[in-house]
């Protein structure tokens, strides 16, 4: 039971293969962030016989993390201690390699340049990961954008760089990489009451 979890599709998820992955979130029954992670096979889901697989737990419980699958790994990005204004916000990133081996689990990755909770996150076909907007804590909302090369372990080690900022601050927005090569940020808000219908 949780809401505000990170969700993404692994490679092949849009073509009926791969898996839907979820990590972190917030459990209102315990009023705590979650470190739990699960996956569901897309092909089993389409066949009407979904089976939930338990994945290694995050090192840190995260509400509203960004979750992105790249060719090299799954990244759990930022998040916070809860979904509310007084929450601590995280710049830390965890990485789960796609290849299962001894000691398989989430490892610390390069930290973001800014803490971000409820940021939009997406990956391009080339394996670049983008993180857009988010809540930075202390009633501060971000219009900044960061990116990293997640196509290889070496790229992940190089860490994050700033990309051009958005024209509007957004937390809770959806983000995707379009076929035109551009990153699209949709909706979100810049305070607790305003919701945006802009792109």
Protein backbone atom coordinates (compact mmCIF):
# COMPACT_ATOMS: atom_id res chain seq x y z
CA UNK A 1 0.00 0.00 0.00
CA UNK A 2 1.50 3.26 -1.09
CA UNK A 3 1.03 6.37 -3.13
CA UNK A 4 3.52 8.82 -4.64
CA UNK A 5 5.82 5.97 -5.70
CA UNK A 6 8.26 6.18 -8.57
CA UNK A 7 7.06 4.19 -11.60
CA UNK A 8 8.72 3.34 -14.92
CA UNK A 9 8.84 0.71 -17.64
CA UNK A 10 11.99 -1.29 -18.21
CA UNK A 11 13.33 -1.67 -21.75
CA UNK A 12 10.70 -3.19 -24.00
CA UNK A 13 7.76 -2.25 -21.77
CA UNK A 14 6.05 -0.25 -24.52
CA UNK A 15 6.19 -3.24 -26.89
CA UNK A 16 4.55 -5.78 -24.59
CA UNK A 17 7.83 -7.01 -23.10
CA UNK A 18 9.87 -5.81 -20.16
CA UNK A 19 8.43 -4.91 -16.78
CA UNK A 20 6.64 -2.15 -14.92
CA UNK A 21 8.77 -1.15 -11.94
CA UNK A 22 7.79 0.76 -8.81
CA UNK A 23 9.99 2.05 -5.98
CA UNK A 24 9.47 4.04 -2.81
CA UNK A 25 6.30 6.00 -2.12
CA UNK A 26 4.33 7.06 0.94
CA UNK A 27 2.10 4.90 3.17
CA UNK A 28 -0.66 6.96 4.82
CA UNK A 29 -1.47 4.14 7.26
CA UNK A 30 1.98 4.46 8.84
CA UNK A 31 2.63 8.06 7.77
CA UNK A 32 6.06 7.02 6.52
CA UNK A 33 7.97 6.93 3.26
CA UNK A 34 8.58 3.49 1.78
CA UNK A 35 11.74 1.73 0.61
CA UNK A 36 9.87 -1.14 -1.01
CA UNK A 37 10.33 -2.01 -4.69
CA UNK A 38 8.34 -4.33 -6.97
CA UNK A 39 7.98 -5.29 -10.61
CA UNK A 40 5.27 -6.79 -12.81
CA UNK A 41 5.94 -8.46 -16.16
CA UNK A 42 4.12 -6.58 -18.94
CA UNK A 43 3.48 -9.78 -20.91
CA UNK A 44 1.94 -11.48 -17.84
CA UNK A 45 -0.15 -8.39 -17.16
CA UNK A 46 -1.47 -8.34 -20.75
CA UNK A 47 -2.25 -12.06 -20.49
CA UNK A 48 -4.38 -11.40 -17.41
CA UNK A 49 -2.11 -13.28 -15.00
CA UNK A 50 0.05 -10.63 -13.34
CA UNK A 51 2.54 -11.74 -10.71
CA UNK A 52 4.18 -9.15 -8.46
CA UNK A 53 7.90 -9.69 -7.97
CA UNK A 54 9.64 -8.22 -4.93
CA UNK A 55 12.87 -6.38 -5.76
CA UNK A 56 15.66 -5.33 -3.40
CA UNK A 57 14.66 -2.50 -1.09
CA UNK A 58 16.02 1.00 -1.55
CA UNK A 59 18.80 1.99 0.83
CA UNK A 60 16.69 4.99 1.85
CA UNK A 61 12.90 5.31 2.06
CA UNK A 62 11.76 7.84 -0.56
CA UNK A 63 8.40 9.49 -1.18
CA UNK A 64 7.90 10.93 -4.66
CA UNK A 65 11.18 9.74 -6.21
CA UNK A 66 11.85 9.90 -9.92
CA UNK A 67 12.28 6.39 -11.35
CA UNK A 68 13.94 5.81 -14.71
CA UNK A 69 15.08 2.67 -16.55
CA UNK A 70 18.17 3.06 -18.73
CA UNK A 71 20.05 0.45 -20.78
CA UNK A 72 22.50 0.08 -17.87
CA UNK A 73 20.38 0.35 -14.72
CA UNK A 74 17.27 1.62 -12.97
CA UNK A 75 17.75 4.94 -11.18
CA UNK A 76 15.75 6.10 -8.12
CA UNK A 77 16.26 9.85 -8.12
CA UNK A 78 15.72 12.31 -5.28
CA UNK A 79 12.41 12.23 -3.45
CA UNK A 80 11.71 13.21 0.12
CA UNK A 81 10.86 12.06 3.62
CA UNK A 82 7.14 12.62 2.92
CA UNK A 83 4.85 14.27 0.37
CA UNK A 84 4.24 17.38 2.46
CA UNK A 85 5.78 20.87 2.56
CA UNK A 86 7.84 20.27 5.70
CA UNK A 87 9.53 17.20 4.16
CA UNK A 88 13.26 16.79 3.87
CA UNK A 89 14.18 16.69 0.17
CA UNK A 90 16.92 14.46 -1.23
CA UNK A 91 19.63 14.99 -3.81
CA UNK A 92 20.82 11.39 -3.51
CA UNK A 93 20.40 8.82 -6.28
CA UNK A 94 20.32 5.03 -6.05
CA UNK A 95 21.21 2.68 -8.90
CA UNK A 96 19.98 -0.90 -9.45
CA UNK A 97 22.01 -2.62 -12.20
CA UNK A 98 19.99 -4.42 -14.88
CA UNK A 99 22.25 -7.46 -14.65
CA UNK A 100 21.60 -9.64 -11.60
CA UNK A 101 24.80 -10.75 -9.84
CA UNK A 102 25.97 -11.65 -6.35
CA UNK A 103 25.20 -8.80 -3.99
CA UNK A 104 22.63 -7.42 -6.41
CA UNK A 105 20.85 -4.42 -4.93
CA UNK A 106 20.61 -0.66 -4.93
CA UNK A 107 23.93 1.20 -4.79
CA UNK A 108 24.62 4.87 -4.22
CA UNK A 109 24.96 6.86 -7.45
CA UNK A 110 26.19 10.39 -8.11
CA UNK A 111 24.05 12.95 -6.30
CA UNK A 112 21.96 15.52 -8.11
CA UNK A 113 23.22 19.10 -8.15
CA UNK A 114 20.03 20.17 -6.31
CA UNK A 115 17.65 18.29 -3.99
CA UNK A 116 14.37 17.44 -5.71
CA UNK A 117 11.16 15.81 -4.51
CA UNK A 118 8.36 15.06 -6.99
CA UNK A 119 10.53 15.95 -9.98
CA UNK A 120 9.69 14.72 -13.46
CA UNK A 121 12.17 12.13 -14.75
CA UNK A 122 12.61 10.44 -18.12
CA UNK A 123 15.20 8.74 -20.31
CA UNK A 124 15.95 9.26 -23.99
CA UNK A 125 16.44 6.42 -26.46
CA UNK A 126 20.17 7.21 -26.28
CA UNK A 127 20.23 6.57 -22.52
CA UNK A 128 20.36 10.17 -21.32
CA UNK A 129 18.37 10.72 -18.13
CA UNK A 130 16.67 14.05 -17.49
CA UNK A 131 15.28 15.32 -14.17
CA UNK A 132 13.05 18.38 -14.39
CA UNK A 133 11.70 20.71 -11.73
CA UNK A 134 10.63 19.35 -8.36
CA UNK A 135 10.18 20.64 -4.83
CA UNK A 136 13.47 21.75 -3.29
CA UNK A 137 12.34 22.19 0.32
CA UNK A 138 11.65 25.34 2.38
CA UNK A 139 8.74 26.25 0.05
CA UNK A 140 11.12 26.44 -2.94
CA UNK A 141 10.07 25.00 -6.29
CA UNK A 142 12.52 24.32 -9.13
CA UNK A 143 12.51 25.32 -12.77
CA UNK A 144 15.99 23.85 -13.25
CA UNK A 145 16.79 20.72 -15.26
CA UNK A 146 19.64 18.21 -14.85
CA UNK A 147 20.81 15.39 -17.08
CA UNK A 148 23.23 12.45 -16.91
CA UNK A 149 24.51 9.84 -19.35
CA UNK A 150 23.06 6.57 -18.06
CA UNK A 151 23.96 4.54 -21.15
CA UNK A 152 27.04 3.09 -19.43
CA UNK A 153 28.59 2.69 -15.98
CA UNK A 154 31.23 5.24 -17.00
CA UNK A 155 28.55 7.75 -17.93
CA UNK A 156 26.81 7.30 -14.59
CA UNK A 157 30.09 7.96 -12.79
CA UNK A 158 30.45 11.33 -14.53
CA UNK A 159 27.39 12.55 -12.67
CA UNK A 160 24.87 15.28 -13.42
CA UNK A 161 25.02 18.50 -15.43
CA UNK A 162 22.56 21.36 -15.77
CA UNK A 163 20.47 21.65 -18.93
CA UNK A 164 18.49 24.78 -19.92
CA UNK A 165 15.88 25.67 -17.30
CA UNK A 166 12.13 25.58 -17.90
CA UNK A 167 10.14 28.79 -18.16
CA UNK A 168 7.95 27.74 -15.20
CA UNK A 169 8.67 26.16 -11.82
CA UNK A 170 7.02 22.74 -11.59
CA UNK A 171 6.78 19.99 -8.96
CA UNK A 172 4.72 16.88 -9.56
CA UNK A 173 5.00 17.24 -13.31
CA UNK A 174 5.17 14.40 -15.79
CA UNK A 175 8.22 14.28 -18.07
CA UNK A 176 8.93 12.33 -21.24
CA UNK A 177 11.36 12.29 -24.13
CA UNK A 178 9.52 12.75 -27.41
CA UNK A 179 10.32 11.31 -30.84
CA UNK A 180 11.53 14.79 -31.78
CA UNK A 181 14.43 14.46 -29.32
CA UNK A 182 13.00 17.08 -26.97
CA UNK A 183 12.13 16.67 -23.30
CA UNK A 184 8.50 17.50 -22.51
CA UNK A 185 7.34 18.59 -19.04
CA UNK A 186 3.58 18.48 -18.50
CA UNK A 187 1.50 19.98 -15.70
CA UNK A 188 2.68 20.06 -12.11
CA UNK A 189 2.47 23.05 -9.79
CA UNK A 190 4.56 25.69 -8.05
CA UNK A 191 2.81 25.81 -4.66
CA UNK A 192 0.42 23.65 -2.64
CA UNK A 193 -2.71 24.95 -4.35
CA UNK A 194 -1.87 25.93 -7.95
CA UNK A 195 -1.98 23.27 -10.66
CA UNK A 196 -0.63 23.96 -14.14
CA UNK A 197 -2.24 22.94 -17.43
CA UNK A 198 0.76 24.13 -19.45
CA UNK A 199 3.44 22.12 -21.25
